[in-house]
Amino acid sequence: MKNYEITYIIAPNLDDAAKTALVDRFDKILTDNGAEIVDSKDWSKRRLAYEIGGFNDGIYHIVNVKASDDEALNEFDRLSKIADGILRHMIVVR
């Protein structure tokens, strides 16, 4: 199994319940497709280097994952590109 780190930026206009629902949804996408979540936590709200989608701030969330194949990561990548609450994401092999 490989270790991956997924960092994504959540839109700051979401309330706490919507943000929690978004994080839970994407954690479930990973686990439903065979990945094991080691850690999933908010990093902090930070000022962005440039405006993304009309926002100057974003809430960074980091997920550490173990996966044996790319199925879970590909599904996460596909769905995060079309999700309204996620401004950007990045998947890195650790």
PDB file of N, CA and C in Angstrom:
ATOM      1  N   MET A   1       0.837  -1.186   0.000  1.00  0.00           N
ATOM      2  CA  MET A   1       0.000   0.000   0.000  1.00  0.00           C
ATOM      3  C   MET A   1       0.878   1.243   0.000  1.00  0.00           C
ATOM      4  N   LYS A   2       0.474   2.223  -0.771  1.00  0.00           N
ATOM      5  CA  LYS A   2       1.195   3.493  -0.829  1.00  0.00           C
ATOM      6  C   LYS A   2       0.521   4.504   0.092  1.00  0.00           C
ATOM      7  N   ASN A   3       1.319   5.435   0.580  1.00  0.00           N
ATOM      8  CA  ASN A   3       0.806   6.530   1.387  1.00  0.00           C
ATOM      9  C   ASN A   3       0.622   7.751   0.504  1.00  0.00           C
ATOM     10  N   TYR A   4      -0.515   8.414   0.654  1.00  0.00           N
ATOM     11  CA  TYR A   4      -0.829   9.615  -0.103  1.00  0.00           C
ATOM     12  C   TYR A   4      -1.239  10.721   0.850  1.00  0.00           C
ATOM     13  N   GLU A   5      -0.983  11.945   0.433  1.00  0.00           N
ATOM     14  CA  GLU A   5      -1.477  13.105   1.167  1.00  0.00           C
ATOM     15  C   GLU A   5      -2.343  13.915   0.211  1.00  0.00           C
ATOM     16  N   ILE A   6      -3.567  14.169   0.613  1.00  0.00           N
ATOM     17  CA  ILE A   6      -4.497  14.960  -0.185  1.00  0.00           C
ATOM     18  C   ILE A   6      -4.730  16.270   0.551  1.00  0.00           C
ATOM     19  N   THR A   7      -4.481  17.368  -0.119  1.00  0.00           N
ATOM     20  CA  THR A   7      -4.757  18.685   0.435  1.00  0.00           C
ATOM     21  C   THR A   7      -5.803  19.339  -0.451  1.00  0.00           C
ATOM     22  N   TYR A   8      -6.859  19.826   0.167  1.00  0.00           N
ATOM     23  CA  TYR A   8      -7.836  20.564  -0.616  1.00  0.00           C
ATOM     24  C   TYR A   8      -8.279  21.819   0.111  1.00  0.00           C
ATOM     25  N   ILE A   9      -8.687  22.810  -0.679  1.00  0.00           N
ATOM     26  CA  ILE A   9      -9.092  24.108  -0.149  1.00  0.00           C
ATOM     27  C   ILE A   9     -10.610  24.199  -0.242  1.00  0.00           C
ATOM     28  N   ILE A  10     -11.238  24.432   0.900  1.00  0.00           N
ATOM     29  CA  ILE A  10     -12.693  24.524   0.982  1.00  0.00           C
ATOM     30  C   ILE A  10     -13.085  26.000   0.935  1.00  0.00           C
ATOM     31  N   ALA A  11     -14.164  26.301   0.227  1.00  0.00           N
ATOM     32  CA  ALA A  11     -14.662  27.666   0.125  1.00  0.00           C
ATOM     33  C   ALA A  11     -15.006  28.205   1.513  1.00  0.00           C
ATOM     34  N   PRO A  12     -14.599  29.436   1.827  1.00  0.00           N
ATOM     35  CA  PRO A  12     -14.812  29.973   3.178  1.00  0.00           C
ATOM     36  C   PRO A  12     -16.252  30.383   3.462  1.00  0.00           C
ATOM     37  N   ASN A  13     -17.102  30.418   2.456  1.00  0.00           N
ATOM     38  CA  ASN A  13     -18.484  30.850   2.669  1.00  0.00           C
ATOM     39  C   ASN A  13     -19.394  29.732   3.183  1.00  0.00           C
ATOM     40  N   LEU A  14     -18.872  28.509   3.311  1.00  0.00           N
ATOM     41  CA  LEU A  14     -19.660  27.400   3.836  1.00  0.00           C
ATOM     42  C   LEU A  14     -19.753  27.510   5.359  1.00  0.00           C
ATOM     43  N   ASP A  15     -20.945  27.239   5.906  1.00  0.00           N
ATOM     44  CA  ASP A  15     -21.065  27.215   7.366  1.00  0.00           C
ATOM     45  C   ASP A  15     -20.467  25.910   7.894  1.00  0.00           C
ATOM     46  N   ASP A  16     -20.370  25.797   9.215  1.00  0.00           N
ATOM     47  CA  ASP A  16     -19.710  24.635   9.819  1.00  0.00           C
ATOM     48  C   ASP A  16     -20.384  23.315   9.461  1.00  0.00           C
ATOM     49  N   ALA A  17     -21.721  23.291   9.432  1.00  0.00           N
ATOM     50  CA  ALA A  17     -22.441  22.049   9.111  1.00  0.00           C
ATOM     51  C   ALA A  17     -22.186  21.626   7.673  1.00  0.00           C
ATOM     52  N   ALA A  18     -22.181  22.577   6.747  1.00  0.00           N
ATOM     53  CA  ALA A  18     -21.939  22.264   5.336  1.00  0.00           C
ATOM     54  C   ALA A  18     -20.500  21.818   5.116  1.00  0.00           C
ATOM     55  N   LYS A  19     -19.565  22.456   5.816  1.00  0.00           N
ATOM     56  CA  LYS A  19     -18.150  22.077   5.691  1.00  0.00           C
ATOM     57  C   LYS A  19     -17.927  20.663   6.227  1.00  0.00           C
ATOM     58  N   THR A  20     -18.530  20.358   7.366  1.00  0.00           N
ATOM     59  CA  THR A  20     -18.417  19.018   7.952  1.00  0.00           C
ATOM     60  C   THR A  20     -19.024  17.967   7.027  1.00  0.00           C
ATOM     61  N   ALA A  21     -20.171  18.284   6.429  1.00  0.00           N
ATOM     62  CA  ALA A  21     -20.820  17.360   5.495  1.00  0.00           C
ATOM     63  C   ALA A  21     -19.943  17.128   4.265  1.00  0.00           C
ATOM     64  N   LEU A  22     -19.297  18.182   3.772  1.00  0.00           N
ATOM     65  CA  LEU A  22     -18.412  18.063   2.611  1.00  0.00           C
ATOM     66  C   LEU A  22     -17.213  17.171   2.931  1.00  0.00           C
ATOM     67  N   VAL A  23     -16.584  17.392   4.073  1.00  0.00           N
ATOM     68  CA  VAL A  23     -15.425  16.597   4.482  1.00  0.00           C
ATOM     69  C   VAL A  23     -15.836  15.137   4.670  1.00  0.00           C
ATOM     70  N   ASP A  24     -16.957  14.906   5.331  1.00  0.00           N
ATOM     71  CA  ASP A  24     -17.434  13.531   5.535  1.00  0.00           C
ATOM     72  C   ASP A  24     -17.730  12.844   4.207  1.00  0.00           C
ATOM     73  N   ARG A  25     -18.321  13.589   3.282  1.00  0.00           N
ATOM     74  CA  ARG A  25     -18.647  13.027   1.959  1.00  0.00           C
ATOM     75  C   ARG A  25     -17.384  12.579   1.228  1.00  0.00           C
ATOM     76  N   PHE A  26     -16.355  13.415   1.244  1.00  0.00           N
ATOM     77  CA  PHE A  26     -15.134  13.068   0.517  1.00  0.00           C
ATOM     78  C   PHE A  26     -14.304  12.021   1.251  1.00  0.00           C
ATOM     79  N   ASP A  27     -14.372  11.982   2.575  1.00  0.00           N
ATOM     80  CA  ASP A  27     -13.733  10.885   3.306  1.00  0.00           C
ATOM     81  C   ASP A  27     -14.415   9.565   2.965  1.00  0.00           C
ATOM     82  N   LYS A  28     -15.737   9.588   2.853  1.00  0.00           N
ATOM     83  CA  LYS A  28     -16.505   8.380   2.519  1.00  0.00           C
ATOM     84  C   LYS A  28     -16.200   7.918   1.088  1.00  0.00           C
ATOM     85  N   ILE A  29     -16.002   8.843   0.176  1.00  0.00           N
ATOM     86  CA  ILE A  29     -15.638   8.485  -1.203  1.00  0.00           C
ATOM     87  C   ILE A  29     -14.339   7.683  -1.195  1.00  0.00           C
ATOM     88  N   LEU A  30     -13.379   8.120  -0.400  1.00  0.00           N
ATOM     89  CA  LEU A  30     -12.102   7.411  -0.323  1.00  0.00           C
ATOM     90  C   LEU A  30     -12.270   6.017   0.270  1.00  0.00           C
ATOM     91  N   THR A  31     -12.978   5.904   1.393  1.00  0.00           N
ATOM     92  CA  THR A  31     -13.124   4.606   2.049  1.00  0.00           C
ATOM     93  C   THR A  31     -13.995   3.654   1.247  1.00  0.00           C
ATOM     94  N   ASP A  32     -15.011   4.167   0.567  1.00  0.00           N
ATOM     95  CA  ASP A  32     -15.885   3.312  -0.255  1.00  0.00           C
ATOM     96  C   ASP A  32     -15.146   2.713  -1.449  1.00  0.00           C
ATOM     97  N   ASN A  33     -14.063   3.351  -1.871  1.00  0.00           N
ATOM     98  CA  ASN A  33     -13.301   2.872  -3.020  1.00  0.00           C
ATOM     99  C   ASN A  33     -12.009   2.168  -2.623  1.00  0.00           C
ATOM    100  N   GLY A  34     -11.920   1.732  -1.360  1.00  0.00           N
ATOM    101  CA  GLY A  34     -10.818   0.872  -0.956  1.00  0.00           C
ATOM    102  C   GLY A  34      -9.637   1.523  -0.276  1.00  0.00           C
ATOM    103  N   ALA A  35      -9.696   2.815  -0.008  1.00  0.00           N
ATOM    104  CA  ALA A  35      -8.584   3.481   0.673  1.00  0.00           C
ATOM    105  C   ALA A  35      -8.813   3.463   2.185  1.00  0.00           C
ATOM    106  N   GLU A  36      -7.726   3.566   2.920  1.00  0.00           N
ATOM    107  CA  GLU A  36      -7.791   3.629   4.381  1.00  0.00           C
ATOM    108  C   GLU A  36      -7.336   5.023   4.818  1.00  0.00           C
ATOM    109  N   ILE A  37      -8.207   5.741   5.525  1.00  0.00           N
ATOM    110  CA  ILE A  37      -7.866   7.086   5.986  1.00  0.00           C
ATOM    111  C   ILE A  37      -7.081   6.979   7.282  1.00  0.00           C
ATOM    112  N   VAL A  38      -5.866   7.520   7.271  1.00  0.00           N
ATOM    113  CA  VAL A  38      -5.016   7.533   8.446  1.00  0.00           C
ATOM    114  C   VAL A  38      -5.345   8.750   9.304  1.00  0.00           C
ATOM    115  N   ASP A  39      -5.535   9.900   8.652  1.00  0.00           N
ATOM    116  CA  ASP A  39      -5.782  11.151   9.353  1.00  0.00           C
ATOM    117  C   ASP A  39      -6.543  12.092   8.433  1.00  0.00           C
ATOM    118  N   SER A  40      -7.528  12.804   8.975  1.00  0.00           N
ATOM    119  CA  SER A  40      -8.289  13.791   8.208  1.00  0.00           C
ATOM    120  C   SER A  40      -8.547  14.971   9.125  1.00  0.00           C
ATOM    121  N   LYS A  41      -7.916  16.117   8.816  1.00  0.00           N
ATOM    122  CA  LYS A  41      -8.040  17.255   9.730  1.00  0.00           C
ATOM    123  C   LYS A  41      -7.957  18.584   8.983  1.00  0.00           C
ATOM    124  N   ASP A  42      -8.578  19.601   9.602  1.00  0.00           N
ATOM    125  CA  ASP A  42      -8.455  20.959   9.089  1.00  0.00           C
ATOM    126  C   ASP A  42      -7.082  21.491   9.442  1.00  0.00           C
ATOM    127  N   TRP A  43      -6.508  22.205   8.509  1.00  0.00           N
ATOM    128  CA  TRP A  43      -5.224  22.826   8.778  1.00  0.00           C
ATOM    129  C   TRP A  43      -5.485  24.206   9.342  1.00  0.00           C
ATOM    130  N   SER A  44      -6.010  25.099   8.516  1.00  0.00           N
ATOM    131  CA  SER A  44      -6.379  26.428   8.981  1.00  0.00           C
ATOM    132  C   SER A  44      -7.018  27.198   7.832  1.00  0.00           C
ATOM    133  N   LYS A  45      -7.602  28.336   8.189  1.00  0.00           N
ATOM    134  CA  LYS A  45      -8.111  29.253   7.171  1.00  0.00           C
ATOM    135  C   LYS A  45      -6.960  30.188   6.837  1.00  0.00           C
ATOM    136  N   ARG A  46      -6.666  30.293   5.543  1.00  0.00           N
ATOM    137  CA  ARG A  46      -5.518  31.098   5.119  1.00  0.00           C
ATOM    138  C   ARG A  46      -5.883  31.996   3.947  1.00  0.00           C
ATOM    139  N   ARG A  47      -5.134  33.038   3.822  1.00  0.00           N
ATOM    140  CA  ARG A  47      -5.259  33.937   2.682  1.00  0.00           C
ATOM    141  C   ARG A  47      -4.606  33.252   1.491  1.00  0.00           C
ATOM    142  N   LEU A  48      -5.288  33.270   0.351  1.00  0.00           N
ATOM    143  CA  LEU A  48      -4.772  32.644  -0.861  1.00  0.00           C
ATOM    144  C   LEU A  48      -3.798  33.581  -1.564  1.00  0.00           C
ATOM    145  N   ALA A  49      -2.873  33.025  -2.296  1.00  0.00           N
ATOM    146  CA  ALA A  49      -1.890  33.821  -3.030  1.00  0.00           C
ATOM    147  C   ALA A  49      -2.550  34.596  -4.170  1.00  0.00           C
ATOM    148  N   TYR A  50      -3.624  34.032  -4.705  1.00  0.00           N
ATOM    149  CA  TYR A  50      -4.380  34.694  -5.757  1.00  0.00           C
ATOM    150  C   TYR A  50      -5.846  34.290  -5.613  1.00  0.00           C
ATOM    151  N   GLU A  51      -6.713  35.082  -6.182  1.00  0.00           N
ATOM    152  CA  GLU A  51      -8.144  34.838  -6.072  1.00  0.00           C
ATOM    153  C   GLU A  51      -8.548  33.567  -6.821  1.00  0.00           C
ATOM    154  N   ILE A  52      -9.333  32.716  -6.165  1.00  0.00           N
ATOM    155  CA  ILE A  52      -9.851  31.498  -6.787  1.00  0.00           C
ATOM    156  C   ILE A  52     -11.359  31.522  -6.663  1.00  0.00           C
ATOM    157  N   GLY A  53     -12.041  31.550  -7.773  1.00  0.00           N
ATOM    158  CA  GLY A  53     -13.500  31.510  -7.766  1.00  0.00           C
ATOM    159  C   GLY A  53     -14.135  32.670  -7.026  1.00  0.00           C
ATOM    160  N   GLY A  54     -13.479  33.810  -6.996  1.00  0.00           N
ATOM    161  CA  GLY A  54     -14.002  34.977  -6.303  1.00  0.00           C
ATOM    162  C   GLY A  54     -13.655  35.033  -4.820  1.00  0.00           C
ATOM    163  N   PHE A  55     -12.866  34.088  -4.331  1.00  0.00           N
ATOM    164  CA  PHE A  55     -12.489  34.045  -2.916  1.00  0.00           C
ATOM    165  C   PHE A  55     -11.017  34.393  -2.738  1.00  0.00           C
ATOM    166  N   ASN A  56     -10.734  35.160  -1.695  1.00  0.00           N
ATOM    167  CA  ASN A  56      -9.349  35.488  -1.346  1.00  0.00           C
ATOM    168  C   ASN A  56      -8.837  34.657  -0.180  1.00  0.00           C
ATOM    169  N   ASP A  57      -9.748  33.946   0.520  1.00  0.00           N
ATOM    170  CA  ASP A  57      -9.403  33.081   1.642  1.00  0.00           C
ATOM    171  C   ASP A  57      -9.903  31.674   1.353  1.00  0.00           C
ATOM    172  N   GLY A  58      -9.338  30.700   2.054  1.00  0.00           N
ATOM    173  CA  GLY A  58      -9.793  29.326   1.919  1.00  0.00           C
ATOM    174  C   GLY A  58      -9.438  28.518   3.149  1.00  0.00           C
ATOM    175  N   ILE A  59     -10.219  27.473   3.412  1.00  0.00           N
ATOM    176  CA  ILE A  59      -9.969  26.593   4.542  1.00  0.00           C
ATOM    177  C   ILE A  59      -9.231  25.364   4.016  1.00  0.00           C
ATOM    178  N   TYR A  60      -8.014  25.174   4.467  1.00  0.00           N
ATOM    179  CA  TYR A  60      -7.201  24.040   4.026  1.00  0.00           C
ATOM    180  C   TYR A  60      -7.567  22.803   4.835  1.00  0.00           C
ATOM    181  N   HIS A  61      -7.732  21.682   4.159  1.00  0.00           N
ATOM    182  CA  HIS A  61      -8.012  20.408   4.817  1.00  0.00           C
ATOM    183  C   HIS A  61      -7.016  19.384   4.283  1.00  0.00           C
ATOM    184  N   ILE A  62      -6.440  18.585   5.190  1.00  0.00           N
ATOM    185  CA  ILE A  62      -5.423  17.602   4.811  1.00  0.00           C
ATOM    186  C   ILE A  62      -5.899  16.206   5.195  1.00  0.00           C
ATOM    187  N   VAL A  63      -5.764  15.261   4.249  1.00  0.00           N
ATOM    188  CA  VAL A  63      -6.140  13.873   4.486  1.00  0.00           C
ATOM    189  C   VAL A  63      -4.938  12.998   4.147  1.00  0.00           C
ATOM    190  N   ASN A  64      -4.516  12.163   5.094  1.00  0.00           N
ATOM    191  CA  ASN A  64      -3.469  11.167   4.845  1.00  0.00           C
ATOM    192  C   ASN A  64      -4.156   9.833   4.603  1.00  0.00           C
ATOM    193  N   VAL A  65      -3.798   9.182   3.501  1.00  0.00           N
ATOM    194  CA  VAL A  65      -4.512   7.991   3.035  1.00  0.00           C
ATOM    195  C   VAL A  65      -3.521   6.892   2.677  1.00  0.00           C
ATOM    196  N   LYS A  66      -3.926   5.637   2.907  1.00  0.00           N
ATOM    197  CA  LYS A  66      -3.198   4.471   2.401  1.00  0.00           C
ATOM    198  C   LYS A  66      -4.097   3.803   1.374  1.00  0.00           C
ATOM    199  N   ALA A  67      -3.539   3.526   0.194  1.00  0.00           N
ATOM    200  CA  ALA A  67      -4.322   2.887  -0.861  1.00  0.00           C
ATOM    201  C   ALA A  67      -3.444   1.929  -1.645  1.00  0.00           C
ATOM    202  N   SER A  68      -4.040   0.811  -2.055  1.00  0.00           N
ATOM    203  CA  SER A  68      -3.279  -0.182  -2.814  1.00  0.00           C
ATOM    204  C   SER A  68      -3.351   0.056  -4.318  1.00  0.00           C
ATOM    205  N   ASP A  69      -4.389   0.762  -4.758  1.00  0.00           N
ATOM    206  CA  ASP A  69      -4.501   1.104  -6.175  1.00  0.00           C
ATOM    207  C   ASP A  69      -4.995   2.547  -6.294  1.00  0.00           C
ATOM    208  N   ASP A  70      -5.156   3.014  -7.528  1.00  0.00           N
ATOM    209  CA  ASP A  70      -5.518   4.410  -7.754  1.00  0.00           C
ATOM    210  C   ASP A  70      -7.019   4.655  -7.847  1.00  0.00           C
ATOM    211  N   GLU A  71      -7.833   3.628  -7.650  1.00  0.00           N
ATOM    212  CA  GLU A  71      -9.271   3.776  -7.840  1.00  0.00           C
ATOM    213  C   GLU A  71      -9.865   4.858  -6.929  1.00  0.00           C
ATOM    214  N   ALA A  72      -9.555   4.820  -5.643  1.00  0.00           N
ATOM    215  CA  ALA A  72     -10.103   5.789  -4.695  1.00  0.00           C
ATOM    216  C   ALA A  72      -9.615   7.200  -5.012  1.00  0.00           C
ATOM    217  N   LEU A  73      -8.339   7.319  -5.369  1.00  0.00           N
ATOM    218  CA  LEU A  73      -7.779   8.634  -5.668  1.00  0.00           C
ATOM    219  C   LEU A  73      -8.343   9.211  -6.953  1.00  0.00           C
ATOM    220  N   ASN A  74      -8.550   8.365  -7.948  1.00  0.00           N
ATOM    221  CA  ASN A  74      -9.140   8.828  -9.201  1.00  0.00           C
ATOM    222  C   ASN A  74     -10.572   9.307  -8.998  1.00  0.00           C
ATOM    223  N   GLU A  75     -11.326   8.591  -8.169  1.00  0.00           N
ATOM    224  CA  GLU A  75     -12.708   8.994  -7.895  1.00  0.00           C
ATOM    225  C   GLU A  75     -12.736  10.294  -7.094  1.00  0.00           C
ATOM    226  N   PHE A  76     -11.853  10.428  -6.120  1.00  0.00           N
ATOM    227  CA  PHE A  76     -11.741  11.671  -5.357  1.00  0.00           C
ATOM    228  C   PHE A  76     -11.403  12.826  -6.297  1.00  0.00           C
ATOM    229  N   ASP A  77     -10.431  12.610  -7.160  1.00  0.00           N
ATOM    230  CA  ASP A  77     -10.007  13.636  -8.112  1.00  0.00           C
ATOM    231  C   ASP A  77     -11.155  14.055  -9.016  1.00  0.00           C
ATOM    232  N   ARG A  78     -11.872  13.091  -9.546  1.00  0.00           N
ATOM    233  CA  ARG A  78     -12.978  13.375 -10.460  1.00  0.00           C
ATOM    234  C   ARG A  78     -14.080  14.178  -9.782  1.00  0.00           C
ATOM    235  N   LEU A  79     -14.476  13.762  -8.592  1.00  0.00           N
ATOM    236  CA  LEU A  79     -15.581  14.425  -7.910  1.00  0.00           C
ATOM    237  C   LEU A  79     -15.193  15.773  -7.303  1.00  0.00           C
ATOM    238  N   SER A  80     -13.944  15.916  -6.885  1.00  0.00           N
ATOM    239  CA  SER A  80     -13.532  17.197  -6.310  1.00  0.00           C
ATOM    240  C   SER A  80     -13.430  18.291  -7.376  1.00  0.00           C
ATOM    241  N   LYS A  81     -13.228  17.911  -8.625  1.00  0.00           N
ATOM    242  CA  LYS A  81     -13.181  18.899  -9.706  1.00  0.00           C
ATOM    243  C   LYS A  81     -14.542  19.523  -9.971  1.00  0.00           C
ATOM    244  N   ILE A  82     -15.618  18.802  -9.651  1.00  0.00           N
ATOM    245  CA  ILE A  82     -16.962  19.321  -9.939  1.00  0.00           C
ATOM    246  C   ILE A  82     -17.721  19.735  -8.675  1.00  0.00           C
ATOM    247  N   ALA A  83     -17.122  19.565  -7.503  1.00  0.00           N
ATOM    248  CA  ALA A  83     -17.775  19.942  -6.247  1.00  0.00           C
ATOM    249  C   ALA A  83     -17.743  21.462  -6.087  1.00  0.00           C
ATOM    250  N   ASP A  84     -18.863  22.016  -5.655  1.00  0.00           N
ATOM    251  CA  ASP A  84     -18.946  23.471  -5.479  1.00  0.00           C
ATOM    252  C   ASP A  84     -18.112  23.973  -4.304  1.00  0.00           C
ATOM    253  N   GLY A  85     -17.989  23.188  -3.252  1.00  0.00           N
ATOM    254  CA  GLY A  85     -17.314  23.639  -2.042  1.00  0.00           C
ATOM    255  C   GLY A  85     -15.809  23.535  -2.072  1.00  0.00           C
ATOM    256  N   ILE A  86     -15.238  22.819  -3.044  1.00  0.00           N
ATOM    257  CA  ILE A  86     -13.782  22.651  -3.117  1.00  0.00           C
ATOM    258  C   ILE A  86     -13.227  23.555  -4.209  1.00  0.00           C
ATOM    259  N   LEU A  87     -12.329  24.455  -3.798  1.00  0.00           N
ATOM    260  CA  LEU A  87     -11.741  25.400  -4.753  1.00  0.00           C
ATOM    261  C   LEU A  87     -10.574  24.777  -5.521  1.00  0.00           C
ATOM    262  N   ARG A  88      -9.688  24.076  -4.821  1.00  0.00           N
ATOM    263  CA  ARG A  88      -8.532  23.402  -5.426  1.00  0.00           C
ATOM    264  C   ARG A  88      -8.208  22.164  -4.600  1.00  0.00           C
ATOM    265  N   HIS A  89      -7.512  21.219  -5.234  1.00  0.00           N
ATOM    266  CA  HIS A  89      -7.036  20.040  -4.507  1.00  0.00           C
ATOM    267  C   HIS A  89      -5.721  19.571  -5.099  1.00  0.00           C
ATOM    268  N   MET A  90      -4.984  18.806  -4.305  1.00  0.00           N
ATOM    269  CA  MET A  90      -3.705  18.279  -4.735  1.00  0.00           C
ATOM    270  C   MET A  90      -3.496  16.921  -4.058  1.00  0.00           C
ATOM    271  N   ILE A  91      -3.076  15.927  -4.837  1.00  0.00           N
ATOM    272  CA  ILE A  91      -2.805  14.588  -4.318  1.00  0.00           C
ATOM    273  C   ILE A  91      -1.317  14.308  -4.513  1.00  0.00           C
ATOM    274  N   VAL A  92      -0.627  13.941  -3.426  1.00  0.00           N
ATOM    275  CA  VAL A  92       0.813  13.739  -3.463  1.00  0.00           C
ATOM    276  C   VAL A  92       1.122  12.355  -2.880  1.00  0.00           C
ATOM    277  N   VAL A  93       2.043  11.626  -3.528  1.00  0.00           N
ATOM    278  CA  VAL A  93       2.520  10.364  -2.968  1.00  0.00           C
ATOM    279  C   VAL A  93       3.569  10.698  -1.933  1.00  0.00           C
ATOM    280  N   ARG A  94       3.461  10.072  -0.748  1.00  0.00           N
ATOM    281  CA  ARG A  94       4.426  10.347   0.337  1.00  0.00           C
ATOM    282  C   ARG A  94       5.431   9.244   0.452  1.00  0.00           C
TER     283      ARG A  94
END
